[in-house]
Amino acid sequence: MLFLSLKLAREVFAVETLRVKEVLQLVKITRVPRTGPEVCGVINLRGSIITVFDLRTILGMEKSAPTPQSNIVVLEYPHEGALLVRAFLVDSVREVLELDQGQLGVPPASRRGGSKHLQSMARSDHGFILILDVANLFGLERIVQEVE
């Protein structure tokens, strides 16, 4: 399985490349009044208005302060016959990693609520990588199918 690794503060997270529509350099984000702290604003992506969320805030971390290294990661997720698109502000994008199922383990429990957005975790030469649950980031309940 291929994953795109992201940096948030000193932590490394990853999302399945299957869900990544594109990675953008930081562009102008238009603020939207009366939105929650997790909403940075919106961007115009080739004529489509896309909401940009602060991934740090969603994960219970300190709010992002955009830098020249910041990226916007545009993700898509199929839901009820449509593709939902959301963008997330991250400190930086690192690399594409290949991880097999045997490298993935159970994510840590957290009292701050950030662990509900984690699907699994993996160990790499550089430390631990926390794998994000994209369906949960989109606000969708995770569907688990049991195979008998």
N, C-alpha and C. Protein backbone atom coordinates (compact mmCIF):
# COMPACT_ATOMS: atom_id res chain seq x y z
N MET A 1 0.85 -1.17 0.00
CA MET A 1 0.00 0.00 0.00
C MET A 1 0.89 1.24 0.00
N LEU A 2 0.48 2.25 -0.76
CA LEU A 2 1.24 3.49 -0.84
C LEU A 2 0.58 4.57 0.02
N PHE A 3 1.41 5.34 0.72
CA PHE A 3 0.94 6.41 1.59
C PHE A 3 1.73 7.68 1.32
N LEU A 4 1.05 8.82 1.41
CA LEU A 4 1.71 10.12 1.33
C LEU A 4 1.96 10.57 2.76
N SER A 5 3.23 10.81 3.11
CA SER A 5 3.53 11.23 4.48
C SER A 5 3.53 12.75 4.59
N LEU A 6 3.01 13.22 5.72
CA LEU A 6 2.81 14.64 6.00
C LEU A 6 3.46 14.99 7.33
N LYS A 7 3.90 16.20 7.45
CA LYS A 7 4.49 16.65 8.71
C LYS A 7 3.56 17.66 9.36
N LEU A 8 3.25 17.44 10.63
CA LEU A 8 2.49 18.38 11.45
C LEU A 8 3.26 18.54 12.75
N ALA A 9 3.79 19.73 12.99
CA ALA A 9 4.68 19.97 14.13
C ALA A 9 5.83 18.98 14.02
N ARG A 10 6.07 18.19 15.05
CA ARG A 10 7.15 17.20 14.99
C ARG A 10 6.64 15.80 14.69
N GLU A 11 5.38 15.67 14.36
CA GLU A 11 4.77 14.36 14.12
C GLU A 11 4.67 14.08 12.62
N VAL A 12 4.75 12.80 12.27
CA VAL A 12 4.60 12.38 10.88
C VAL A 12 3.29 11.60 10.77
N PHE A 13 2.44 12.04 9.86
CA PHE A 13 1.18 11.37 9.57
C PHE A 13 1.22 10.91 8.13
N ALA A 14 0.26 10.09 7.74
CA ALA A 14 0.20 9.65 6.35
C ALA A 14 -1.24 9.37 5.97
N VAL A 15 -1.52 9.50 4.67
CA VAL A 15 -2.82 9.14 4.10
C VAL A 15 -2.57 8.24 2.90
N GLU A 16 -3.53 7.36 2.62
CA GLU A 16 -3.39 6.50 1.45
C GLU A 16 -3.34 7.36 0.18
N THR A 17 -2.40 7.07 -0.69
CA THR A 17 -2.28 7.84 -1.94
C THR A 17 -3.53 7.69 -2.79
N LEU A 18 -4.25 6.59 -2.62
CA LEU A 18 -5.50 6.36 -3.34
C LEU A 18 -6.50 7.50 -3.11
N ARG A 19 -6.43 8.16 -1.95
CA ARG A 19 -7.36 9.23 -1.59
C ARG A 19 -6.84 10.63 -1.93
N VAL A 20 -5.57 10.73 -2.35
CA VAL A 20 -4.96 12.03 -2.64
C VAL A 20 -5.28 12.45 -4.08
N LYS A 21 -5.98 13.57 -4.20
CA LYS A 21 -6.28 14.11 -5.53
C LYS A 21 -5.09 14.91 -6.03
N GLU A 22 -4.56 15.78 -5.16
CA GLU A 22 -3.36 16.53 -5.51
C GLU A 22 -2.78 17.22 -4.29
N VAL A 23 -1.53 17.65 -4.46
CA VAL A 23 -0.81 18.41 -3.43
C VAL A 23 -0.49 19.77 -4.02
N LEU A 24 -0.87 20.82 -3.30
CA LEU A 24 -0.66 22.19 -3.78
C LEU A 24 0.35 22.92 -2.91
N GLN A 25 1.12 23.79 -3.55
CA GLN A 25 1.90 24.76 -2.78
C GLN A 25 0.88 25.67 -2.11
N LEU A 26 1.27 26.35 -1.07
CA LEU A 26 0.35 27.23 -0.37
C LEU A 26 -0.15 28.31 -1.31
N VAL A 27 -1.46 28.42 -1.42
CA VAL A 27 -2.10 29.46 -2.24
C VAL A 27 -2.95 30.33 -1.32
N LYS A 28 -3.46 31.41 -1.87
CA LYS A 28 -4.31 32.31 -1.07
C LYS A 28 -5.58 31.57 -0.63
N ILE A 29 -5.80 31.58 0.68
CA ILE A 29 -7.00 30.97 1.26
C ILE A 29 -7.91 32.11 1.68
N THR A 30 -9.14 32.11 1.17
CA THR A 30 -10.11 33.16 1.50
C THR A 30 -10.85 32.76 2.77
N ARG A 31 -10.76 33.58 3.79
CA ARG A 31 -11.44 33.31 5.06
C ARG A 31 -12.95 33.40 4.86
N VAL A 32 -13.67 32.60 5.61
CA VAL A 32 -15.13 32.60 5.58
C VAL A 32 -15.61 32.94 6.99
N PRO A 33 -16.39 34.02 7.14
CA PRO A 33 -16.85 34.42 8.48
C PRO A 33 -17.71 33.34 9.14
N ARG A 34 -17.63 33.31 10.46
CA ARG A 34 -18.48 32.45 11.30
C ARG A 34 -18.30 30.96 11.04
N THR A 35 -17.09 30.56 10.70
CA THR A 35 -16.81 29.13 10.58
C THR A 35 -16.03 28.70 11.81
N GLY A 36 -15.96 27.41 12.04
CA GLY A 36 -15.26 26.90 13.20
C GLY A 36 -13.75 27.08 13.09
N PRO A 37 -13.04 26.87 14.18
CA PRO A 37 -11.59 27.06 14.18
C PRO A 37 -10.85 26.09 13.27
N GLU A 38 -11.49 24.98 12.93
CA GLU A 38 -10.84 24.00 12.05
C GLU A 38 -10.90 24.40 10.57
N VAL A 39 -11.70 25.41 10.24
CA VAL A 39 -11.83 25.85 8.85
C VAL A 39 -10.90 27.03 8.59
N CYS A 40 -9.97 26.83 7.66
CA CYS A 40 -9.05 27.93 7.28
C CYS A 40 -9.74 28.89 6.32
N GLY A 41 -10.62 28.34 5.47
CA GLY A 41 -11.30 29.13 4.46
C GLY A 41 -11.53 28.30 3.22
N VAL A 42 -11.56 28.96 2.06
CA VAL A 42 -11.79 28.26 0.80
C VAL A 42 -10.73 28.66 -0.22
N ILE A 43 -10.54 27.77 -1.20
CA ILE A 43 -9.66 28.06 -2.32
C ILE A 43 -10.42 27.80 -3.61
N ASN A 44 -9.95 28.40 -4.68
CA ASN A 44 -10.50 28.15 -6.01
C ASN A 44 -9.55 27.19 -6.70
N LEU A 45 -10.03 25.98 -6.95
CA LEU A 45 -9.22 24.96 -7.60
C LEU A 45 -9.80 24.70 -8.98
N ARG A 46 -9.23 25.38 -9.97
CA ARG A 46 -9.69 25.27 -11.36
C ARG A 46 -11.21 25.42 -11.49
N GLY A 47 -11.75 26.44 -10.83
CA GLY A 47 -13.17 26.74 -10.94
C GLY A 47 -14.05 26.11 -9.88
N SER A 48 -13.50 25.22 -9.07
CA SER A 48 -14.27 24.60 -7.98
C SER A 48 -13.88 25.24 -6.66
N ILE A 49 -14.87 25.53 -5.84
CA ILE A 49 -14.61 26.09 -4.52
C ILE A 49 -14.42 24.92 -3.55
N ILE A 50 -13.25 24.87 -2.92
CA ILE A 50 -12.89 23.77 -2.03
C ILE A 50 -12.63 24.33 -0.63
N THR A 51 -13.24 23.72 0.38
CA THR A 51 -13.01 24.12 1.76
C THR A 51 -11.66 23.57 2.22
N VAL A 52 -10.88 24.44 2.88
CA VAL A 52 -9.57 24.05 3.42
C VAL A 52 -9.70 23.97 4.94
N PHE A 53 -9.35 22.81 5.49
CA PHE A 53 -9.40 22.57 6.93
C PHE A 53 -7.98 22.57 7.50
N ASP A 54 -7.84 23.03 8.72
CA ASP A 54 -6.56 23.00 9.42
C ASP A 54 -6.43 21.62 10.06
N LEU A 55 -5.58 20.78 9.49
CA LEU A 55 -5.46 19.41 9.99
C LEU A 55 -4.94 19.37 11.42
N ARG A 56 -4.10 20.32 11.78
CA ARG A 56 -3.62 20.37 13.17
C ARG A 56 -4.79 20.54 14.14
N THR A 57 -5.68 21.49 13.85
CA THR A 57 -6.81 21.76 14.74
C THR A 57 -7.72 20.54 14.84
N ILE A 58 -7.98 19.89 13.73
CA ILE A 58 -8.83 18.70 13.72
C ILE A 58 -8.24 17.61 14.62
N LEU A 59 -6.92 17.51 14.63
CA LEU A 59 -6.25 16.46 15.42
C LEU A 59 -5.96 16.88 16.86
N GLY A 60 -6.47 18.05 17.27
CA GLY A 60 -6.29 18.50 18.65
C GLY A 60 -4.94 19.12 18.92
N MET A 61 -4.26 19.55 17.88
CA MET A 61 -2.96 20.19 18.03
C MET A 61 -3.13 21.71 17.95
N GLU A 62 -2.05 22.43 18.20
CA GLU A 62 -2.06 23.89 18.09
C GLU A 62 -2.33 24.28 16.63
N LYS A 63 -3.10 25.36 16.43
CA LYS A 63 -3.48 25.80 15.09
C LYS A 63 -2.25 26.08 14.23
N SER A 64 -2.37 25.78 12.94
CA SER A 64 -1.27 25.99 12.00
C SER A 64 -1.00 27.47 11.76
N ALA A 65 0.26 27.78 11.61
CA ALA A 65 0.68 29.10 11.14
C ALA A 65 1.36 28.84 9.80
N PRO A 66 0.70 29.16 8.70
CA PRO A 66 1.27 28.84 7.38
C PRO A 66 2.67 29.41 7.19
N THR A 67 3.53 28.60 6.56
CA THR A 67 4.90 28.98 6.24
C THR A 67 5.13 28.69 4.76
N PRO A 68 6.27 29.11 4.22
CA PRO A 68 6.56 28.78 2.82
C PRO A 68 6.62 27.27 2.55
N GLN A 69 6.86 26.46 3.59
CA GLN A 69 6.90 25.00 3.42
C GLN A 69 5.52 24.35 3.51
N SER A 70 4.51 25.11 3.91
CA SER A 70 3.17 24.55 4.06
C SER A 70 2.62 24.10 2.72
N ASN A 71 1.78 23.06 2.78
CA ASN A 71 1.10 22.56 1.59
C ASN A 71 -0.38 22.41 1.88
N ILE A 72 -1.14 22.36 0.81
CA ILE A 72 -2.56 22.02 0.89
C ILE A 72 -2.71 20.68 0.20
N VAL A 73 -3.20 19.69 0.94
CA VAL A 73 -3.40 18.35 0.40
C VAL A 73 -4.88 18.19 0.12
N VAL A 74 -5.21 17.95 -1.14
CA VAL A 74 -6.60 17.79 -1.56
C VAL A 74 -6.90 16.30 -1.59
N LEU A 75 -7.89 15.90 -0.79
CA LEU A 75 -8.29 14.50 -0.70
C LEU A 75 -9.68 14.31 -1.26
N GLU A 76 -9.93 13.11 -1.77
CA GLU A 76 -11.29 12.78 -2.22
C GLU A 76 -11.68 11.44 -1.63
N TYR A 77 -12.99 11.31 -1.38
CA TYR A 77 -13.50 10.10 -0.75
C TYR A 77 -14.87 9.78 -1.35
N PRO A 78 -15.06 8.54 -1.82
CA PRO A 78 -16.36 8.18 -2.39
C PRO A 78 -17.41 8.01 -1.30
N HIS A 79 -18.59 8.59 -1.53
CA HIS A 79 -19.67 8.46 -0.56
C HIS A 79 -20.99 8.59 -1.29
N GLU A 80 -21.82 7.55 -1.18
CA GLU A 80 -23.16 7.52 -1.77
C GLU A 80 -23.15 7.93 -3.24
N GLY A 81 -22.22 7.34 -4.01
CA GLY A 81 -22.19 7.56 -5.45
C GLY A 81 -21.51 8.84 -5.91
N ALA A 82 -21.01 9.63 -4.98
CA ALA A 82 -20.33 10.89 -5.34
C ALA A 82 -18.93 10.90 -4.74
N LEU A 83 -18.08 11.74 -5.30
CA LEU A 83 -16.75 11.92 -4.74
C LEU A 83 -16.74 13.21 -3.92
N LEU A 84 -16.53 13.08 -2.61
CA LEU A 84 -16.42 14.25 -1.75
C LEU A 84 -14.98 14.75 -1.81
N VAL A 85 -14.80 16.06 -1.87
CA VAL A 85 -13.46 16.65 -1.95
C VAL A 85 -13.28 17.63 -0.80
N ARG A 86 -12.16 17.49 -0.09
CA ARG A 86 -11.80 18.40 0.99
C ARG A 86 -10.30 18.66 0.89
N ALA A 87 -9.88 19.80 1.38
CA ALA A 87 -8.46 20.14 1.38
C ALA A 87 -8.01 20.36 2.82
N PHE A 88 -6.76 20.01 3.08
CA PHE A 88 -6.22 20.10 4.44
C PHE A 88 -4.88 20.82 4.41
N LEU A 89 -4.75 21.83 5.27
CA LEU A 89 -3.50 22.55 5.41
C LEU A 89 -2.56 21.73 6.29
N VAL A 90 -1.34 21.47 5.79
CA VAL A 90 -0.34 20.71 6.54
C VAL A 90 0.96 21.51 6.57
N ASP A 91 1.81 21.21 7.55
CA ASP A 91 3.08 21.92 7.66
C ASP A 91 3.98 21.65 6.46
N SER A 92 4.00 20.41 6.00
CA SER A 92 4.75 20.05 4.80
C SER A 92 4.39 18.64 4.38
N VAL A 93 4.67 18.34 3.11
CA VAL A 93 4.50 16.99 2.58
C VAL A 93 5.90 16.42 2.48
N ARG A 94 6.06 15.17 2.92
CA ARG A 94 7.40 14.57 2.94
C ARG A 94 7.67 13.69 1.73
N GLU A 95 7.04 12.52 1.68
CA GLU A 95 7.36 11.56 0.63
C GLU A 95 6.24 10.53 0.50
N VAL A 96 6.33 9.72 -0.54
CA VAL A 96 5.43 8.58 -0.71
C VAL A 96 6.13 7.37 -0.13
N LEU A 97 5.43 6.66 0.75
CA LEU A 97 5.97 5.49 1.42
C LEU A 97 5.23 4.24 0.99
N GLU A 98 5.93 3.15 0.87
CA GLU A 98 5.28 1.86 0.61
C GLU A 98 5.32 1.06 1.90
N LEU A 99 4.14 0.73 2.42
CA LEU A 99 4.02 -0.03 3.66
C LEU A 99 3.16 -1.25 3.38
N ASP A 100 3.56 -2.40 3.91
CA ASP A 100 2.69 -3.57 3.76
C ASP A 100 1.85 -3.75 5.01
N GLN A 101 0.85 -4.56 4.92
CA GLN A 101 -0.10 -4.76 6.01
C GLN A 101 0.60 -5.18 7.30
N GLY A 102 1.68 -5.93 7.19
CA GLY A 102 2.42 -6.40 8.36
C GLY A 102 3.11 -5.29 9.13
N GLN A 103 3.33 -4.14 8.49
CA GLN A 103 3.98 -3.01 9.15
C GLN A 103 2.98 -2.13 9.90
N LEU A 104 1.69 -2.35 9.68
CA LEU A 104 0.66 -1.51 10.29
C LEU A 104 0.21 -2.11 11.62
N GLY A 105 0.02 -1.24 12.61
CA GLY A 105 -0.43 -1.69 13.93
C GLY A 105 -1.55 -0.82 14.44
N VAL A 106 -2.00 -1.09 15.63
CA VAL A 106 -3.10 -0.37 16.26
C VAL A 106 -2.60 1.00 16.71
N PRO A 107 -3.38 2.07 16.44
CA PRO A 107 -2.96 3.41 16.88
C PRO A 107 -3.09 3.56 18.39
N PRO A 108 -2.35 4.51 18.95
CA PRO A 108 -2.43 4.73 20.40
C PRO A 108 -3.77 5.35 20.80
N ALA A 109 -4.19 5.08 22.02
CA ALA A 109 -5.41 5.70 22.55
C ALA A 109 -5.05 7.11 23.01
N SER A 110 -6.04 8.00 22.96
CA SER A 110 -5.80 9.38 23.37
C SER A 110 -7.03 9.92 24.06
N ARG A 111 -6.80 10.67 25.12
CA ARG A 111 -7.91 11.32 25.82
C ARG A 111 -8.31 12.62 25.14
N ARG A 112 -7.47 13.15 24.24
CA ARG A 112 -7.75 14.43 23.61
C ARG A 112 -8.61 14.30 22.36
N GLY A 113 -8.94 13.09 21.94
CA GLY A 113 -9.85 12.91 20.83
C GLY A 113 -9.19 12.77 19.48
N GLY A 114 -7.90 13.06 19.36
CA GLY A 114 -7.22 12.97 18.08
C GLY A 114 -7.13 11.56 17.54
N SER A 115 -7.14 10.56 18.44
CA SER A 115 -6.97 9.18 17.99
C SER A 115 -8.17 8.67 17.19
N LYS A 116 -9.32 9.32 17.30
CA LYS A 116 -10.48 8.86 16.53
C LYS A 116 -10.25 9.07 15.03
N HIS A 117 -9.29 9.91 14.68
CA HIS A 117 -8.96 10.16 13.28
C HIS A 117 -7.84 9.26 12.76
N LEU A 118 -7.37 8.34 13.61
CA LEU A 118 -6.29 7.45 13.22
C LEU A 118 -6.81 6.08 12.85
N GLN A 119 -6.29 5.57 11.75
CA GLN A 119 -6.67 4.24 11.28
C GLN A 119 -5.69 3.20 11.80
N SER A 120 -4.40 3.54 11.76
CA SER A 120 -3.36 2.63 12.22
C SER A 120 -2.07 3.42 12.40
N MET A 121 -0.99 2.71 12.69
CA MET A 121 0.31 3.35 12.76
C MET A 121 1.36 2.38 12.24
N ALA A 122 2.49 2.93 11.84
CA ALA A 122 3.56 2.10 11.31
C ALA A 122 4.89 2.61 11.86
N ARG A 123 5.88 1.76 11.84
CA ARG A 123 7.21 2.14 12.27
C ARG A 123 8.08 2.27 11.02
N SER A 124 8.89 3.31 10.99
CA SER A 124 9.82 3.48 9.87
C SER A 124 11.21 3.71 10.45
N ASP A 125 12.19 3.88 9.57
CA ASP A 125 13.56 4.15 10.01
C ASP A 125 13.65 5.46 10.77
N HIS A 126 12.69 6.37 10.54
CA HIS A 126 12.71 7.69 11.15
C HIS A 126 11.78 7.83 12.35
N GLY A 127 11.13 6.76 12.77
CA GLY A 127 10.20 6.82 13.90
C GLY A 127 8.83 6.28 13.52
N PHE A 128 7.81 6.71 14.24
CA PHE A 128 6.46 6.23 14.00
C PHE A 128 5.71 7.13 13.02
N ILE A 129 4.85 6.52 12.24
CA ILE A 129 4.01 7.23 11.29
C ILE A 129 2.56 6.91 11.66
N LEU A 130 1.76 7.95 11.86
CA LEU A 130 0.35 7.78 12.22
C LEU A 130 -0.48 7.86 10.95
N ILE A 131 -1.21 6.78 10.66
CA ILE A 131 -2.01 6.69 9.44
C ILE A 131 -3.40 7.25 9.72
N LEU A 132 -3.79 8.26 8.94
CA LEU A 132 -5.07 8.93 9.15
C LEU A 132 -6.23 8.17 8.51
N ASP A 133 -7.36 8.19 9.17
CA ASP A 133 -8.61 7.60 8.67
C ASP A 133 -9.33 8.68 7.87
N VAL A 134 -9.22 8.61 6.54
CA VAL A 134 -9.76 9.66 5.68
C VAL A 134 -11.27 9.79 5.82
N ALA A 135 -11.99 8.69 5.93
CA ALA A 135 -13.45 8.75 6.09
C ALA A 135 -13.81 9.54 7.33
N ASN A 136 -13.07 9.34 8.40
CA ASN A 136 -13.32 10.07 9.64
C ASN A 136 -12.99 11.55 9.49
N LEU A 137 -11.91 11.86 8.77
CA LEU A 137 -11.57 13.27 8.52
C LEU A 137 -12.69 13.98 7.75
N PHE A 138 -13.38 13.23 6.90
CA PHE A 138 -14.48 13.79 6.12
C PHE A 138 -15.77 13.87 6.92
N GLY A 139 -15.73 13.38 8.17
CA GLY A 139 -16.92 13.43 9.01
C GLY A 139 -17.88 12.30 8.73
N LEU A 140 -17.41 11.26 8.07
CA LEU A 140 -18.25 10.10 7.76
C LEU A 140 -17.98 9.00 8.76
N GLU A 141 -19.01 8.25 9.11
CA GLU A 141 -18.79 7.11 9.99
C GLU A 141 -18.05 6.05 9.20
N ARG A 142 -17.10 5.44 9.86
CA ARG A 142 -16.29 4.42 9.20
C ARG A 142 -17.12 3.16 9.04
N ILE A 143 -17.07 2.59 7.86
CA ILE A 143 -17.80 1.36 7.57
C ILE A 143 -16.83 0.20 7.65
N VAL A 144 -17.10 -0.70 8.54
CA VAL A 144 -16.23 -1.85 8.71
C VAL A 144 -16.98 -3.08 8.20
N GLN A 145 -16.36 -3.81 7.28
CA GLN A 145 -16.98 -5.04 6.78
C GLN A 145 -16.26 -6.21 7.39
N GLU A 146 -17.03 -7.11 7.96
CA GLU A 146 -16.43 -8.32 8.54
C GLU A 146 -16.42 -9.41 7.49
N VAL A 147 -15.28 -10.02 7.36
CA VAL A 147 -15.14 -11.11 6.40
C VAL A 147 -15.12 -12.41 7.19
N GLU A 148 -16.02 -13.31 6.84
CA GLU A 148 -16.09 -14.58 7.55
C GLU A 148 -15.48 -15.67 6.72
